[in-house]
């Protein structure tokens, strides 16, 4: 299996330029679209280590039990979990259930092309509570 970047993600990568990230703000909260090649590769490797056809990866505080019973966390020291959601509404509900503020989950649904559909996305909260999202692409 190989990953393909949808045209919209390729456009974001070009838009981000050398910084390889795009920052969006809602109120006093931030969404960071991480488009760094090394980070995309790292998340892809993590995705491939799981045996599922999920379209979301989330860095959580707890790797056991029900996904909805844990909280989104930093990547370092966290447990990467997978989920399969059908559409933006389910993606938003999952993000909110694991601790992402409503406004930030809504912003992610607006700015993360293909979220909950064909594009696989990885999420974590950094130390400043910025929601970081990385597009892995889609399988072909």
Protein backbone atom coordinates (compact mmCIF):
# COMPACT_ATOMS: atom_id res chain seq x y z
CA UNK A 1 0.00 0.00 0.00
CA UNK A 2 1.18 3.49 -0.77
CA UNK A 3 -0.05 6.86 0.38
CA UNK A 4 -1.25 9.46 -2.11
CA UNK A 5 -1.54 13.15 -1.25
CA UNK A 6 -4.82 14.63 -2.48
CA UNK A 7 -4.46 17.77 -4.57
CA UNK A 8 -5.84 19.90 -1.71
CA UNK A 9 -3.08 18.69 0.63
CA UNK A 10 -0.42 19.31 -2.01
CA UNK A 11 -1.81 22.85 -2.30
CA UNK A 12 -1.52 23.31 1.49
CA UNK A 13 2.11 22.13 1.38
CA UNK A 14 2.88 24.72 -1.30
CA UNK A 15 0.97 27.40 0.62
CA UNK A 16 2.92 26.66 3.82
CA UNK A 17 6.27 27.11 2.07
CA UNK A 18 9.50 26.61 3.98
CA UNK A 19 7.79 26.77 7.36
CA UNK A 20 5.83 23.63 6.45
CA UNK A 21 2.96 24.55 8.72
CA UNK A 22 -0.18 26.63 8.65
CA UNK A 23 -1.65 28.12 11.83
CA UNK A 24 -5.35 28.91 12.25
CA UNK A 25 -6.83 30.68 15.25
CA UNK A 26 -10.25 30.51 16.87
CA UNK A 27 -10.70 32.68 19.94
CA UNK A 28 -7.55 32.07 21.97
CA UNK A 29 -6.99 28.55 20.61
CA UNK A 30 -4.82 27.40 17.71
CA UNK A 31 -4.89 24.67 15.09
CA UNK A 32 -1.55 23.87 13.49
CA UNK A 33 -1.53 21.95 10.22
CA UNK A 34 1.86 20.22 10.28
CA UNK A 35 3.13 19.60 6.74
CA UNK A 36 6.75 18.71 7.53
CA UNK A 37 7.89 15.73 5.49
CA UNK A 38 9.63 14.08 8.45
CA UNK A 39 6.51 14.36 10.61
CA UNK A 40 4.28 12.99 7.85
CA UNK A 41 6.68 10.05 7.44
CA UNK A 42 6.73 9.40 11.18
CA UNK A 43 2.93 9.35 11.40
CA UNK A 44 2.73 7.13 8.31
CA UNK A 45 5.09 4.63 9.94
CA UNK A 46 2.95 4.66 13.06
CA UNK A 47 -0.18 4.13 10.96
CA UNK A 48 1.38 1.17 9.16
CA UNK A 49 2.23 -0.47 12.50
CA UNK A 50 -1.48 -0.70 13.33
CA UNK A 51 -3.62 -3.35 11.71
CA UNK A 52 -6.67 -1.31 10.85
CA UNK A 53 -8.17 0.67 8.03
CA UNK A 54 -8.64 3.73 10.26
CA UNK A 55 -8.77 7.27 8.97
CA UNK A 56 -7.66 8.95 12.22
CA UNK A 57 -4.63 8.58 14.45
CA UNK A 58 -4.71 10.28 17.83
CA UNK A 59 -1.98 10.56 20.46
CA UNK A 60 -3.69 9.71 23.72
CA UNK A 61 -2.81 9.56 27.39
CA UNK A 62 -3.97 5.95 27.64
CA UNK A 63 -3.44 3.09 25.19
CA UNK A 64 -5.91 0.71 26.82
CA UNK A 65 -9.67 0.63 27.09
CA UNK A 66 -12.29 2.59 25.24
CA UNK A 67 -10.87 5.40 23.11
CA UNK A 68 -13.66 7.71 24.26
CA UNK A 69 -12.45 7.32 27.85
CA UNK A 70 -8.99 8.82 27.26
CA UNK A 71 -7.72 12.31 26.45
CA UNK A 72 -5.71 13.68 23.56
CA UNK A 73 -2.10 14.27 24.59
CA UNK A 74 1.40 15.09 23.38
CA UNK A 75 3.11 12.69 21.02
CA UNK A 76 6.09 12.08 23.30
CA UNK A 77 5.21 9.44 25.86
CA UNK A 78 1.72 9.00 24.51
CA UNK A 79 -0.09 6.07 23.06
CA UNK A 80 -1.07 6.39 19.40
CA UNK A 81 -4.58 5.07 18.85
CA UNK A 82 -6.55 4.63 15.63
CA UNK A 83 -10.18 5.25 14.80
CA UNK A 84 -12.44 4.89 11.80
CA UNK A 85 -15.02 7.65 11.50
CA UNK A 86 -17.57 8.34 8.80
CA UNK A 87 -17.53 12.02 7.99
CA UNK A 88 -16.71 15.28 9.67
CA UNK A 89 -19.56 15.03 12.17
CA UNK A 90 -18.17 11.79 13.63
CA UNK A 91 -14.61 13.13 13.52
CA UNK A 92 -15.70 16.24 15.42
CA UNK A 93 -17.58 14.18 18.01
CA UNK A 94 -14.54 11.96 18.57
CA UNK A 95 -12.16 14.91 18.94
CA UNK A 96 -14.51 16.55 21.43
CA UNK A 97 -14.91 13.28 23.37
CA UNK A 98 -11.15 13.03 23.85
CA UNK A 99 -10.79 16.57 25.12
CA UNK A 100 -10.62 18.95 22.16
CA UNK A 101 -12.66 22.13 22.67
CA UNK A 102 -15.80 22.42 20.51
CA UNK A 103 -14.52 25.49 18.63
CA UNK A 104 -11.18 23.85 17.90
CA UNK A 105 -12.79 20.60 16.74
CA UNK A 106 -15.04 22.66 14.43
CA UNK A 107 -12.02 24.50 13.04
CA UNK A 108 -10.26 21.18 12.38
CA UNK A 109 -13.31 19.96 10.48
CA UNK A 110 -13.28 23.13 8.38
CA UNK A 111 -9.52 23.17 7.67
CA UNK A 112 -8.49 19.49 7.50
CA UNK A 113 -9.41 18.43 3.97
CA UNK A 114 -11.02 14.99 3.77
CA UNK A 115 -11.23 14.60 7.56
CA UNK A 116 -13.41 11.62 8.36
CA UNK A 117 -13.43 10.57 4.74
CA UNK A 118 -10.61 9.52 2.42
CA UNK A 119 -7.70 11.47 3.91
CA UNK A 120 -6.03 10.00 6.99
CA UNK A 121 -5.18 12.60 9.65
CA UNK A 122 -3.12 12.38 12.84
CA UNK A 123 -3.81 14.63 15.83
CA UNK A 124 -2.14 15.55 19.10
CA UNK A 125 -2.21 18.43 21.58
CA UNK A 126 1.13 20.11 22.14
CA UNK A 127 2.31 21.55 25.44
CA UNK A 128 0.55 24.86 24.77
CA UNK A 129 -2.75 23.07 23.99
CA UNK A 130 -2.40 23.83 20.29
CA UNK A 131 -4.17 21.14 18.30
CA UNK A 132 -1.69 19.76 15.77
CA UNK A 133 -2.98 17.94 12.72
CA UNK A 134 -0.88 16.11 10.13
CA UNK A 135 -2.30 14.75 6.86
CA UNK A 136 -0.97 11.31 6.00
CA UNK A 137 -2.75 11.18 2.65
CA UNK A 138 -5.00 8.45 1.38
CA UNK A 139 -4.37 4.89 0.23
CA UNK A 140 -4.45 3.98 -3.42
